[in-house]
PDB file of N, CA and C in Angstrom:
ATOM      1  N   MET A   1     142.370 151.892 110.287  1.00  0.00           N
ATOM      2  CA  MET A   1     141.409 151.381 111.246  1.00  0.00           C
ATOM      3  C   MET A   1     140.024 151.455 110.611  1.00  0.00           C
ATOM      4  N   ALA A   2     139.459 150.332 110.268  1.00  0.00           N
ATOM      5  CA  ALA A   2     138.142 150.309 109.652  1.00  0.00           C
ATOM      6  C   ALA A   2     137.071 150.070 110.706  1.00  0.00           C
ATOM      7  N   LEU A   3     135.940 150.686 110.492  1.00  0.00           N
ATOM      8  CA  LEU A   3     134.810 150.502 111.391  1.00  0.00           C
ATOM      9  C   LEU A   3     134.164 149.150 111.159  1.00  0.00           C
ATOM     10  N   VAL A   4     133.700 148.547 112.203  1.00  0.00           N
ATOM     11  CA  VAL A   4     132.939 147.316 112.086  1.00  0.00           C
ATOM     12  C   VAL A   4     131.569 147.694 111.521  1.00  0.00           C
ATOM     13  N   LYS A   5     131.133 146.993 110.491  1.00  0.00           N
ATOM     14  CA  LYS A   5     129.860 147.348 109.860  1.00  0.00           C
ATOM     15  C   LYS A   5     128.667 147.040 110.752  1.00  0.00           C
ATOM     16  N   LYS A   6     128.763 145.964 111.530  1.00  0.00           N
ATOM     17  CA  LYS A   6     127.656 145.609 112.407  1.00  0.00           C
ATOM     18  C   LYS A   6     127.469 146.700 113.463  1.00  0.00           C
ATOM     19  N   GLY A   7     126.278 147.246 113.534  1.00  0.00           N
ATOM     20  CA  GLY A   7     125.978 148.289 114.507  1.00  0.00           C
ATOM     21  C   GLY A   7     126.276 149.692 114.033  1.00  0.00           C
ATOM     22  N   SER A   8     126.842 149.821 112.836  1.00  0.00           N
ATOM     23  CA  SER A   8     127.122 151.168 112.340  1.00  0.00           C
ATOM     24  C   SER A   8     125.868 151.748 111.697  1.00  0.00           C
ATOM     25  N   ARG A   9     125.816 153.059 111.664  1.00  0.00           N
ATOM     26  CA  ARG A   9     124.665 153.769 111.104  1.00  0.00           C
ATOM     27  C   ARG A   9     125.124 154.604 109.925  1.00  0.00           C
ATOM     28  N   ARG A  10     124.258 154.730 108.963  1.00  0.00           N
ATOM     29  CA  ARG A  10     124.550 155.518 107.767  1.00  0.00           C
ATOM     30  C   ARG A  10     124.083 156.949 107.982  1.00  0.00           C
ATOM     31  N   ILE A  11     124.889 157.888 107.475  1.00  0.00           N
ATOM     32  CA  ILE A  11     124.499 159.294 107.529  1.00  0.00           C
ATOM     33  C   ILE A  11     125.015 159.975 106.268  1.00  0.00           C
ATOM     34  N   VAL A  12     124.209 160.850 105.705  1.00  0.00           N
ATOM     35  CA  VAL A  12     124.607 161.616 104.529  1.00  0.00           C
ATOM     36  C   VAL A  12     124.795 163.065 104.965  1.00  0.00           C
ATOM     37  N   VAL A  13     126.006 163.573 104.738  1.00  0.00           N
ATOM     38  CA  VAL A  13     126.339 164.951 105.108  1.00  0.00           C
ATOM     39  C   VAL A  13     126.820 165.660 103.853  1.00  0.00           C
ATOM     40  N   ASP A  14     126.098 166.686 103.457  1.00  0.00           N
ATOM     41  CA  ASP A  14     126.448 167.481 102.278  1.00  0.00           C
ATOM     42  C   ASP A  14     126.666 166.609 101.042  1.00  0.00           C
ATOM     43  N   GLY A  15     125.820 165.593 100.863  1.00  0.00           N
ATOM     44  CA  GLY A  15     125.875 164.738  99.691  1.00  0.00           C
ATOM     45  C   GLY A  15     126.858 163.583  99.760  1.00  0.00           C
ATOM     46  N   THR A  16     127.598 163.456 100.839  1.00  0.00           N
ATOM     47  CA  THR A  16     128.564 162.371 101.001  1.00  0.00           C
ATOM     48  C   THR A  16     128.046 161.405 102.056  1.00  0.00           C
ATOM     49  N   THR A  17     128.147 160.117 101.768  1.00  0.00           N
ATOM     50  CA  THR A  17     127.656 159.097 102.693  1.00  0.00           C
ATOM     51  C   THR A  17     128.778 158.610 103.600  1.00  0.00           C
ATOM     52  N   TYR A  18     128.492 158.593 104.895  1.00  0.00           N
ATOM     53  CA  TYR A  18     129.427 158.124 105.916  1.00  0.00           C
ATOM     54  C   TYR A  18     128.747 157.037 106.734  1.00  0.00           C
ATOM     55  N   ARG A  19     129.558 156.288 107.481  1.00  0.00           N
ATOM     56  CA  ARG A  19     129.043 155.379 108.492  1.00  0.00           C
ATOM     57  C   ARG A  19     129.621 155.818 109.823  1.00  0.00           C
ATOM     58  N   TRP A  20     128.804 155.751 110.869  1.00  0.00           N
ATOM     59  CA  TRP A  20     129.292 156.104 112.195  1.00  0.00           C
ATOM     60  C   TRP A  20     128.834 155.053 113.190  1.00  0.00           C
ATOM     61  N   ARG A  21     129.589 154.944 114.272  1.00  0.00           N
ATOM     62  CA  ARG A  21     129.317 153.895 115.240  1.00  0.00           C
ATOM     63  C   ARG A  21     129.752 154.313 116.633  1.00  0.00           C
ATOM     64  N   LEU A  22     128.903 153.972 117.599  1.00  0.00           N
ATOM     65  CA  LEU A  22     129.235 154.123 119.014  1.00  0.00           C
ATOM     66  C   LEU A  22     129.767 152.793 119.519  1.00  0.00           C
ATOM     67  N   ARG A  23     130.630 152.855 120.485  1.00  0.00           N
ATOM     68  CA  ARG A  23     131.093 151.620 121.124  1.00  0.00           C
ATOM     69  C   ARG A  23     129.950 151.077 121.970  1.00  0.00           C
ATOM     70  N   GLY A  24     129.603 149.814 121.783  1.00  0.00           N
ATOM     71  CA  GLY A  24     128.470 149.220 122.485  1.00  0.00           C
ATOM     72  C   GLY A  24     128.670 149.114 123.983  1.00  0.00           C
ATOM     73  N   ARG A  25     129.809 148.589 124.370  1.00  0.00           N
ATOM     74  CA  ARG A  25     130.112 148.463 125.791  1.00  0.00           C
ATOM     75  C   ARG A  25     131.134 149.525 126.164  1.00  0.00           C
ATOM     76  N   PRO A  26     130.975 150.138 127.326  1.00  0.00           N
ATOM     77  CA  PRO A  26     131.930 151.175 127.708  1.00  0.00           C
ATOM     78  C   PRO A  26     133.287 150.595 128.076  1.00  0.00           C
ATOM     79  N   THR A  27     134.320 151.405 127.887  1.00  0.00           N
ATOM     80  CA  THR A  27     135.625 151.046 128.426  1.00  0.00           C
ATOM     81  C   THR A  27     135.517 151.181 129.948  1.00  0.00           C
ATOM     82  N   TYR A  28     136.523 150.747 130.673  1.00  0.00           N
ATOM     83  CA  TYR A  28     136.464 150.861 132.133  1.00  0.00           C
ATOM     84  C   TYR A  28     136.296 152.318 132.561  1.00  0.00           C
ATOM     85  N   SER A  29     137.074 153.212 131.951  1.00  0.00           N
ATOM     86  CA  SER A  29     136.995 154.634 132.312  1.00  0.00           C
ATOM     87  C   SER A  29     135.637 155.241 131.959  1.00  0.00           C
ATOM     88  N   GLN A  30     135.045 154.798 130.845  1.00  0.00           N
ATOM     89  CA  GLN A  30     133.719 155.280 130.476  1.00  0.00           C
ATOM     90  C   GLN A  30     132.661 154.687 131.405  1.00  0.00           C
ATOM     91  N   GLY A  31     132.827 153.440 131.799  1.00  0.00           N
ATOM     92  CA  GLY A  31     131.893 152.799 132.712  1.00  0.00           C
ATOM     93  C   GLY A  31     131.857 153.475 134.071  1.00  0.00           C
ATOM     94  N   MET A  32     133.005 153.975 134.503  1.00  0.00           N
ATOM     95  CA  MET A  32     133.085 154.693 135.772  1.00  0.00           C
ATOM     96  C   MET A  32     132.757 156.182 135.614  1.00  0.00           C
ATOM     97  N   ALA A  33     132.436 156.610 134.388  1.00  0.00           N
ATOM     98  CA  ALA A  33     132.116 157.997 134.043  1.00  0.00           C
ATOM     99  C   ALA A  33     133.287 158.935 134.294  1.00  0.00           C
ATOM    100  N   TRP A  34     134.494 158.402 134.163  1.00  0.00           N
ATOM    101  CA  TRP A  34     135.692 159.230 134.259  1.00  0.00           C
ATOM    102  C   TRP A  34     136.041 159.827 132.901  1.00  0.00           C
ATOM    103  N   ARG A  35     135.690 159.124 131.849  1.00  0.00           N
ATOM    104  CA  ARG A  35     135.959 159.572 130.476  1.00  0.00           C
ATOM    105  C   ARG A  35     134.648 159.619 129.719  1.00  0.00           C
ATOM    106  N   PRO A  36     134.528 160.552 128.782  1.00  0.00           N
ATOM    107  CA  PRO A  36     133.279 160.669 128.023  1.00  0.00           C
ATOM    108  C   PRO A  36     133.174 159.665 126.887  1.00  0.00           C
ATOM    109  N   LEU A  37     131.996 159.619 126.321  1.00  0.00           N
ATOM    110  CA  LEU A  37     131.656 158.761 125.190  1.00  0.00           C
ATOM    111  C   LEU A  37     132.418 159.202 123.944  1.00  0.00           C
ATOM    112  N   THR A  38     132.836 158.240 123.135  1.00  0.00           N
ATOM    113  CA  THR A  38     133.448 158.539 121.836  1.00  0.00           C
ATOM    114  C   THR A  38     132.669 157.801 120.751  1.00  0.00           C
ATOM    115  N   PHE A  39     132.740 158.329 119.550  1.00  0.00           N
ATOM    116  CA  PHE A  39     132.184 157.624 118.405  1.00  0.00           C
ATOM    117  C   PHE A  39     133.118 157.800 117.222  1.00  0.00           C
ATOM    118  N   ALA A  40     132.983 156.888 116.251  1.00  0.00           N
ATOM    119  CA  ALA A  40     133.865 156.890 115.095  1.00  0.00           C
ATOM    120  C   ALA A  40     133.060 157.055 113.819  1.00  0.00           C
ATOM    121  N   VAL A  41     133.681 157.703 112.830  1.00  0.00           N
ATOM    122  CA  VAL A  41     133.043 157.972 111.542  1.00  0.00           C
ATOM    123  C   VAL A  41     134.037 157.618 110.439  1.00  0.00           C
ATOM    124  N   GLU A  42     133.523 157.053 109.341  1.00  0.00           N
ATOM    125  CA  GLU A  42     134.357 156.828 108.170  1.00  0.00           C
ATOM    126  C   GLU A  42     133.522 156.990 106.910  1.00  0.00           C
ATOM    127  N   HIS A  43     134.198 157.198 105.791  1.00  0.00           N
ATOM    128  CA  HIS A  43     133.523 157.301 104.499  1.00  0.00           C
ATOM    129  C   HIS A  43     132.912 155.939 104.178  1.00  0.00           C
ATOM    130  N   ALA A  44     131.689 155.914 103.682  1.00  0.00           N
ATOM    131  CA  ALA A  44     130.970 154.648 103.469  1.00  0.00           C
ATOM    132  C   ALA A  44     131.537 153.823 102.325  1.00  0.00           C
ATOM    133  N   GLU A  45     131.865 154.454 101.206  1.00  0.00           N
ATOM    134  CA  GLU A  45     132.310 153.700 100.035  1.00  0.00           C
ATOM    135  C   GLU A  45     133.809 153.427 100.032  1.00  0.00           C
ATOM    136  N   THR A  46     134.612 154.414 100.387  1.00  0.00           N
ATOM    137  CA  THR A  46     136.064 154.256 100.380  1.00  0.00           C
ATOM    138  C   THR A  46     136.633 154.643 101.738  1.00  0.00           C
ATOM    139  N   PRO A  47     136.550 153.732 102.708  1.00  0.00           N
ATOM    140  CA  PRO A  47     137.068 154.061 104.034  1.00  0.00           C
ATOM    141  C   PRO A  47     138.564 154.337 103.992  1.00  0.00           C
ATOM    142  N   GLY A  48     138.943 155.419 104.597  1.00  0.00           N
ATOM    143  CA  GLY A  48     140.354 155.787 104.677  1.00  0.00           C
ATOM    144  C   GLY A  48     140.684 156.125 106.113  1.00  0.00           C
ATOM    145  N   THR A  49     140.810 157.399 106.399  1.00  0.00           N
ATOM    146  CA  THR A  49     141.094 157.856 107.745  1.00  0.00           C
ATOM    147  C   THR A  49     139.814 157.876 108.570  1.00  0.00           C
ATOM    148  N   THR A  50     139.848 157.231 109.722  1.00  0.00           N
ATOM    149  CA  THR A  50     138.699 157.208 110.619  1.00  0.00           C
ATOM    150  C   THR A  50     138.710 158.457 111.483  1.00  0.00           C
ATOM    151  N   LEU A  51     137.551 159.075 111.615  1.00  0.00           N
ATOM    152  CA  LEU A  51     137.370 160.228 112.487  1.00  0.00           C
ATOM    153  C   LEU A  51     136.899 159.720 113.834  1.00  0.00           C
ATOM    154  N   VAL A  52     137.584 160.093 114.912  1.00  0.00           N
ATOM    155  CA  VAL A  52     137.206 159.694 116.260  1.00  0.00           C
ATOM    156  C   VAL A  52     136.840 160.959 117.034  1.00  0.00           C
ATOM    157  N   ILE A  53     135.580 161.029 117.467  1.00  0.00           N
ATOM    158  CA  ILE A  53     135.072 162.197 118.181  1.00  0.00           C
ATOM    159  C   ILE A  53     134.889 161.848 119.651  1.00  0.00           C
ATOM    160  N   THR A  54     135.476 162.639 120.527  1.00  0.00           N
ATOM    161  CA  THR A  54     135.243 162.526 121.963  1.00  0.00           C
ATOM    162  C   THR A  54     134.199 163.561 122.325  1.00  0.00           C
ATOM    163  N   THR A  55     133.070 163.104 122.860  1.00  0.00           N
ATOM    164  CA  THR A  55     131.966 164.000 123.203  1.00  0.00           C
ATOM    165  C   THR A  55     132.129 164.519 124.626  1.00  0.00           C
ATOM    166  N   ASN A  56     131.142 165.263 125.076  1.00  0.00           N
ATOM    167  CA  ASN A  56     131.119 165.706 126.470  1.00  0.00           C
ATOM    168  C   ASN A  56     130.026 164.977 127.249  1.00  0.00           C
ATOM    169  N   LYS A  57     129.634 163.786 126.751  1.00  0.00           N
ATOM    170  CA  LYS A  57     128.544 163.022 127.341  1.00  0.00           C
ATOM    171  C   LYS A  57     129.072 161.729 127.953  1.00  0.00           C
ATOM    172  N   PRO A  58     128.460 161.272 129.043  1.00  0.00           N
ATOM    173  CA  PRO A  58     128.851 159.967 129.563  1.00  0.00           C
ATOM    174  C   PRO A  58     128.280 158.850 128.690  1.00  0.00           C
ATOM    175  N   HIS A  59     128.923 157.706 128.720  1.00  0.00           N
ATOM    176  CA  HIS A  59     128.422 156.546 127.983  1.00  0.00           C
ATOM    177  C   HIS A  59     127.081 156.128 128.586  1.00  0.00           C
ATOM    178  N   SER A  60     126.137 155.761 127.741  1.00  0.00           N
ATOM    179  CA  SER A  60     124.796 155.420 128.237  1.00  0.00           C
ATOM    180  C   SER A  60     124.794 154.153 129.084  1.00  0.00           C
ATOM    181  N   ALA A  61     125.790 153.306 128.927  1.00  0.00           N
ATOM    182  CA  ALA A  61     125.860 152.075 129.714  1.00  0.00           C
ATOM    183  C   ALA A  61     126.870 152.202 130.855  1.00  0.00           C
ATOM    184  N   ASN A  62     127.047 153.417 131.373  1.00  0.00           N
ATOM    185  CA  ASN A  62     127.989 153.572 132.484  1.00  0.00           C
ATOM    186  C   ASN A  62     127.457 152.829 133.705  1.00  0.00           C
ATOM    187  N   TRP A  63     128.366 152.461 134.594  1.00  0.00           N
ATOM    188  CA  TRP A  63     128.019 151.565 135.695  1.00  0.00           C
ATOM    189  C   TRP A  63     127.561 152.287 136.948  1.00  0.00           C
ATOM    190  N   ILE A  64     127.683 153.597 136.969  1.00  0.00           N
ATOM    191  CA  ILE A  64     127.339 154.299 138.203  1.00  0.00           C
ATOM    192  C   ILE A  64     126.022 155.063 138.112  1.00  0.00           C
ATOM    193  N   GLY A  65     125.327 154.906 137.015  1.00  0.00           N
ATOM    194  CA  GLY A  65     124.000 155.501 136.882  1.00  0.00           C
ATOM    195  C   GLY A  65     123.974 156.964 136.493  1.00  0.00           C
ATOM    196  N   THR A  66     125.078 157.491 135.967  1.00  0.00           N
ATOM    197  CA  THR A  66     125.081 158.872 135.502  1.00  0.00           C
ATOM    198  C   THR A  66     124.137 159.000 134.309  1.00  0.00           C
ATOM    199  N   ALA A  67     123.254 159.987 134.373  1.00  0.00           N
ATOM    200  CA  ALA A  67     122.287 160.178 133.290  1.00  0.00           C
ATOM    201  C   ALA A  67     123.021 160.467 131.985  1.00  0.00           C
ATOM    202  N   ALA A  68     122.597 159.799 130.932  1.00  0.00           N
ATOM    203  CA  ALA A  68     123.235 159.958 129.629  1.00  0.00           C
ATOM    204  C   ALA A  68     122.225 160.462 128.608  1.00  0.00           C
ATOM    205  N   VAL A  69     122.711 161.285 127.702  1.00  0.00           N
ATOM    206  CA  VAL A  69     121.899 161.826 126.613  1.00  0.00           C
ATOM    207  C   VAL A  69     122.391 161.181 125.330  1.00  0.00           C
ATOM    208  N   PRO A  70     121.494 160.712 124.468  1.00  0.00           N
ATOM    209  CA  PRO A  70     121.955 160.051 123.245  1.00  0.00           C
ATOM    210  C   PRO A  70     122.658 161.004 122.286  1.00  0.00           C
ATOM    211  N   VAL A  71     123.534 160.452 121.468  1.00  0.00           N
ATOM    212  CA  VAL A  71     124.184 161.213 120.407  1.00  0.00           C
ATOM    213  C   VAL A  71     123.202 161.275 119.242  1.00  0.00           C
ATOM    214  N   LEU A  72     122.862 162.466 118.818  1.00  0.00           N
ATOM    215  CA  LEU A  72     121.909 162.656 117.734  1.00  0.00           C
ATOM    216  C   LEU A  72     122.617 162.724 116.385  1.00  0.00           C
ATOM    217  N   PRO A  73     121.948 162.282 115.318  1.00  0.00           N
ATOM    218  CA  PRO A  73     122.550 162.389 113.987  1.00  0.00           C
ATOM    219  C   PRO A  73     122.944 163.822 113.628  1.00  0.00           C
ATOM    220  N   SER A  74     122.214 164.801 114.110  1.00  0.00           N
ATOM    221  CA  SER A  74     122.577 166.194 113.833  1.00  0.00           C
ATOM    222  C   SER A  74     123.925 166.547 114.468  1.00  0.00           C
ATOM    223  N   GLU A  75     124.226 165.971 115.628  1.00  0.00           N
ATOM    224  CA  GLU A  75     125.526 166.200 116.272  1.00  0.00           C
ATOM    225  C   GLU A  75     126.646 165.502 115.490  1.00  0.00           C
ATOM    226  N   VAL A  76     126.353 164.328 114.980  1.00  0.00           N
ATOM    227  CA  VAL A  76     127.338 163.609 114.168  1.00  0.00           C
ATOM    228  C   VAL A  76     127.639 164.412 112.908  1.00  0.00           C
ATOM    229  N   ALA A  77     126.590 164.910 112.252  1.00  0.00           N
ATOM    230  CA  ALA A  77     126.780 165.708 111.035  1.00  0.00           C
ATOM    231  C   ALA A  77     127.590 166.968 111.330  1.00  0.00           C
ATOM    232  N   ALA A  78     127.294 167.632 112.440  1.00  0.00           N
ATOM    233  CA  ALA A  78     128.048 168.839 112.804  1.00  0.00           C
ATOM    234  C   ALA A  78     129.514 168.504 113.078  1.00  0.00           C
ATOM    235  N   SER A  79     129.769 167.374 113.705  1.00  0.00           N
ATOM    236  CA  SER A  79     131.149 166.949 113.972  1.00  0.00           C
ATOM    237  C   SER A  79     131.892 166.644 112.677  1.00  0.00           C
ATOM    238  N   ILE A  80     131.205 166.016 111.729  1.00  0.00           N
ATOM    239  CA  ILE A  80     131.822 165.714 110.430  1.00  0.00           C
ATOM    240  C   ILE A  80     132.175 167.004 109.708  1.00  0.00           C
ATOM    241  N   ARG A  81     131.247 167.962 109.706  1.00  0.00           N
ATOM    242  CA  ARG A  81     131.523 169.259 109.049  1.00  0.00           C
ATOM    243  C   ARG A  81     132.699 169.970 109.715  1.00  0.00           C
ATOM    244  N   ALA A  82     132.738 169.945 111.043  1.00  0.00           N
ATOM    245  CA  ALA A  82     133.838 170.590 111.770  1.00  0.00           C
ATOM    246  C   ALA A  82     135.171 169.919 111.446  1.00  0.00           C
ATOM    247  N   ALA A  83     135.174 168.601 111.376  1.00  0.00           N
ATOM    248  CA  ALA A  83     136.411 167.870 111.066  1.00  0.00           C
ATOM    249  C   ALA A  83     136.893 168.169 109.655  1.00  0.00           C
ATOM    250  N   ARG A  84     135.965 168.224 108.723  1.00  0.00           N
ATOM    251  CA  ARG A  84     136.346 168.549 107.343  1.00  0.00           C
ATOM    252  C   ARG A  84     136.890 169.970 107.257  1.00  0.00           C
ATOM    253  N   ALA A  85     136.331 170.860 108.051  1.00  0.00           N
ATOM    254  CA  ALA A  85     136.787 172.253 108.031  1.00  0.00           C
ATOM    255  C   ALA A  85     138.228 172.404 108.540  1.00  0.00           C
ATOM    256  N   ILE A  86     138.658 171.476 109.401  1.00  0.00           N
ATOM    257  CA  ILE A  86     140.027 171.579 109.926  1.00  0.00           C
ATOM    258  C   ILE A  86     140.985 170.568 109.295  1.00  0.00           C
ATOM    259  N   GLY A  87     140.548 169.940 108.193  1.00  0.00           N
ATOM    260  CA  GLY A  87     141.500 169.152 107.421  1.00  0.00           C
ATOM    261  C   GLY A  87     141.274 167.660 107.316  1.00  0.00           C
ATOM    262  N   TRP A  88     140.241 167.113 107.916  1.00  0.00           N
ATOM    263  CA  TRP A  88     139.993 165.672 107.783  1.00  0.00           C
ATOM    264  C   TRP A  88     139.510 165.354 106.376  1.00  0.00           C
ATOM    265  N   VAL A  89     140.196 164.425 105.721  1.00  0.00           N
ATOM    266  CA  VAL A  89     139.783 163.929 104.405  1.00  0.00           C
ATOM    267  C   VAL A  89     139.517 162.442 104.583  1.00  0.00           C
ATOM    268  N   ALA A  90     138.245 162.077 104.584  1.00  0.00           N
ATOM    269  CA  ALA A  90     137.832 160.717 104.925  1.00  0.00           C
ATOM    270  C   ALA A  90     138.348 159.660 103.962  1.00  0.00           C
ATOM    271  N   GLU A  91     138.531 160.006 102.705  1.00  0.00           N
ATOM    272  CA  GLU A  91     138.926 159.020 101.708  1.00  0.00           C
ATOM    273  C   GLU A  91     140.421 158.712 101.728  1.00  0.00           C
ATOM    274  N   ASN A  92     141.231 159.585 102.287  1.00  0.00           N
ATOM    275  CA  ASN A  92     142.681 159.383 102.312  1.00  0.00           C
ATOM    276  C   ASN A  92     143.070 158.412 103.417  1.00  0.00           C
ATOM    277  N   PRO A  93     143.953 157.470 103.139  1.00  0.00           N
ATOM    278  CA  PRO A  93     144.402 156.566 104.196  1.00  0.00           C
ATOM    279  C   PRO A  93     145.268 157.310 105.205  1.00  0.00           C
ATOM    280  N   GLY A  94     145.283 156.807 106.406  1.00  0.00           N
ATOM    281  CA  GLY A  94     146.115 157.421 107.424  1.00  0.00           C
ATOM    282  C   GLY A  94     145.669 157.054 108.822  1.00  0.00           C
ATOM    283  N   SER A  95     146.351 157.631 109.792  1.00  0.00           N
ATOM    284  CA  SER A  95     146.032 157.408 111.197  1.00  0.00           C
ATOM    285  C   SER A  95     144.689 158.035 111.540  1.00  0.00           C
ATOM    286  N   PRO A  96     144.038 157.551 112.596  1.00  0.00           N
ATOM    287  CA  PRO A  96     142.769 158.144 112.999  1.00  0.00           C
ATOM    288  C   PRO A  96     142.911 159.643 113.275  1.00  0.00           C
ATOM    289  N   PHE A  97     141.891 160.380 112.918  1.00  0.00           N
ATOM    290  CA  PHE A  97     141.833 161.827 113.088  1.00  0.00           C
ATOM    291  C   PHE A  97     140.971 162.078 114.324  1.00  0.00           C
ATOM    292  N   HIS A  98     141.570 162.628 115.384  1.00  0.00           N
ATOM    293  CA  HIS A  98     140.864 162.803 116.657  1.00  0.00           C
ATOM    294  C   HIS A  98     140.392 164.236 116.840  1.00  0.00           C
ATOM    295  N   ILE A  99     139.154 164.372 117.318  1.00  0.00           N
ATOM    296  CA  ILE A  99     138.615 165.669 117.719  1.00  0.00           C
ATOM    297  C   ILE A  99     138.038 165.508 119.118  1.00  0.00           C
ATOM    298  N   ASP A 100     138.454 166.370 120.017  1.00  0.00           N
ATOM    299  CA  ASP A 100     137.980 166.318 121.399  1.00  0.00           C
ATOM    300  C   ASP A 100     136.990 167.451 121.629  1.00  0.00           C
ATOM    301  N   GLN A 101     135.720 167.108 121.737  1.00  0.00           N
ATOM    302  CA  GLN A 101     134.670 168.098 121.986  1.00  0.00           C
ATOM    303  C   GLN A 101     134.243 168.085 123.451  1.00  0.00           C
ATOM    304  N   SER A 102     135.033 167.448 124.287  1.00  0.00           N
ATOM    305  CA  SER A 102     134.656 167.316 125.694  1.00  0.00           C
ATOM    306  C   SER A 102     135.146 168.510 126.504  1.00  0.00           C
ATOM    307  N   VAL A 103     134.472 168.698 127.589  1.00  0.00           N
ATOM    308  CA  VAL A 103     134.918 169.612 128.628  1.00  0.00           C
ATOM    309  C   VAL A 103     135.132 168.721 129.838  1.00  0.00           C
ATOM    310  N   PRO A 104     135.904 169.142 130.800  1.00  0.00           N
ATOM    311  CA  PRO A 104     136.109 168.250 131.945  1.00  0.00           C
ATOM    312  C   PRO A 104     134.777 167.801 132.531  1.00  0.00           C
ATOM    313  N   MET A 105     134.614 166.486 132.643  1.00  0.00           N
ATOM    314  CA  MET A 105     133.387 165.953 133.223  1.00  0.00           C
ATOM    315  C   MET A 105     133.455 166.206 134.728  1.00  0.00           C
ATOM    316  N   SER A 106     132.412 166.792 135.276  1.00  0.00           N
ATOM    317  CA  SER A 106     132.433 167.142 136.688  1.00  0.00           C
ATOM    318  C   SER A 106     131.351 166.383 137.435  1.00  0.00           C
ATOM    319  N   GLU A 107     131.484 166.367 138.732  1.00  0.00           N
ATOM    320  CA  GLU A 107     130.480 165.744 139.579  1.00  0.00           C
ATOM    321  C   GLU A 107     129.214 166.587 139.557  1.00  0.00           C
ATOM    322  N   PRO A 108     128.047 165.960 139.622  1.00  0.00           N
ATOM    323  CA  PRO A 108     126.813 166.736 139.655  1.00  0.00           C
ATOM    324  C   PRO A 108     126.759 167.577 140.923  1.00  0.00           C
ATOM    325  N   THR A 109     126.253 168.771 140.779  1.00  0.00           N
ATOM    326  CA  THR A 109     126.137 169.649 141.938  1.00  0.00           C
ATOM    327  C   THR A 109     124.807 169.412 142.620  1.00  0.00           C
ATOM    328  N   VAL A 110     124.780 169.633 143.921  1.00  0.00           N
ATOM    329  CA  VAL A 110     123.574 169.459 144.712  1.00  0.00           C
ATOM    330  C   VAL A 110     123.223 170.805 145.309  1.00  0.00           C
ATOM    331  N   ALA A 111     121.963 171.210 145.161  1.00  0.00           N
ATOM    332  CA  ALA A 111     121.522 172.490 145.710  1.00  0.00           C
ATOM    333  C   ALA A 111     121.626 172.460 147.232  1.00  0.00           C
ATOM    334  N   ALA A 112     121.871 173.627 147.818  1.00  0.00           N
ATOM    335  CA  ALA A 112     121.999 173.730 149.265  1.00  0.00           C
ATOM    336  C   ALA A 112     120.706 173.260 149.939  1.00  0.00           C
ATOM    337  N   GLY A 113     120.835 172.404 150.924  1.00  0.00           N
ATOM    338  CA  GLY A 113     119.681 171.918 151.667  1.00  0.00           C
ATOM    339  C   GLY A 113     118.995 170.723 151.036  1.00  0.00           C
ATOM    340  N   ALA A 114     119.432 170.307 149.850  1.00  0.00           N
ATOM    341  CA  ALA A 114     118.804 169.157 149.194  1.00  0.00           C
ATOM    342  C   ALA A 114     119.338 167.866 149.786  1.00  0.00           C
ATOM    343  N   GLU A 115     118.500 166.853 149.808  1.00  0.00           N
ATOM    344  CA  GLU A 115     118.928 165.565 150.309  1.00  0.00           C
ATOM    345  C   GLU A 115     119.598 164.780 149.194  1.00  0.00           C
ATOM    346  N   ILE A 116     120.644 164.092 149.545  1.00  0.00           N
ATOM    347  CA  ILE A 116     121.347 163.260 148.583  1.00  0.00           C
ATOM    348  C   ILE A 116     120.855 161.830 148.788  1.00  0.00           C
ATOM    349  N   PRO A 117     120.244 161.229 147.750  1.00  0.00           N
ATOM    350  CA  PRO A 117     119.766 159.850 147.903  1.00  0.00           C
ATOM    351  C   PRO A 117     120.932 158.883 148.048  1.00  0.00           C
ATOM    352  N   LEU A 118     120.799 157.945 148.950  1.00  0.00           N
ATOM    353  CA  LEU A 118     121.866 156.948 149.170  1.00  0.00           C
ATOM    354  C   LEU A 118     121.485 155.619 148.604  1.00  0.00           C
TER     355      LEU A 118
END
């Protein structure tokens, strides 16, 4: 599974160049904020196994207005290091390597006595 180059971003982690990409439009589950945002990473020069990271953040283009925080390059770099530590080798061909960094997405809590905007 190769990443589409259009919209991908370059990142250098520990001297190795990778490309990473967020999905532009959310899936139905991401749009409803039932599932968190995912992004993909691959080696820039010799793409092999794609790393797929599931975050604990909602997609920024979700349809219900859940506040979203952008994925920072420092988080991508940390995810790449974590994946390499548990056996991901980006240059080797193979099935996508999945890492789930999500926690169950929950409904926002409302303080006692606060008004809920309709």
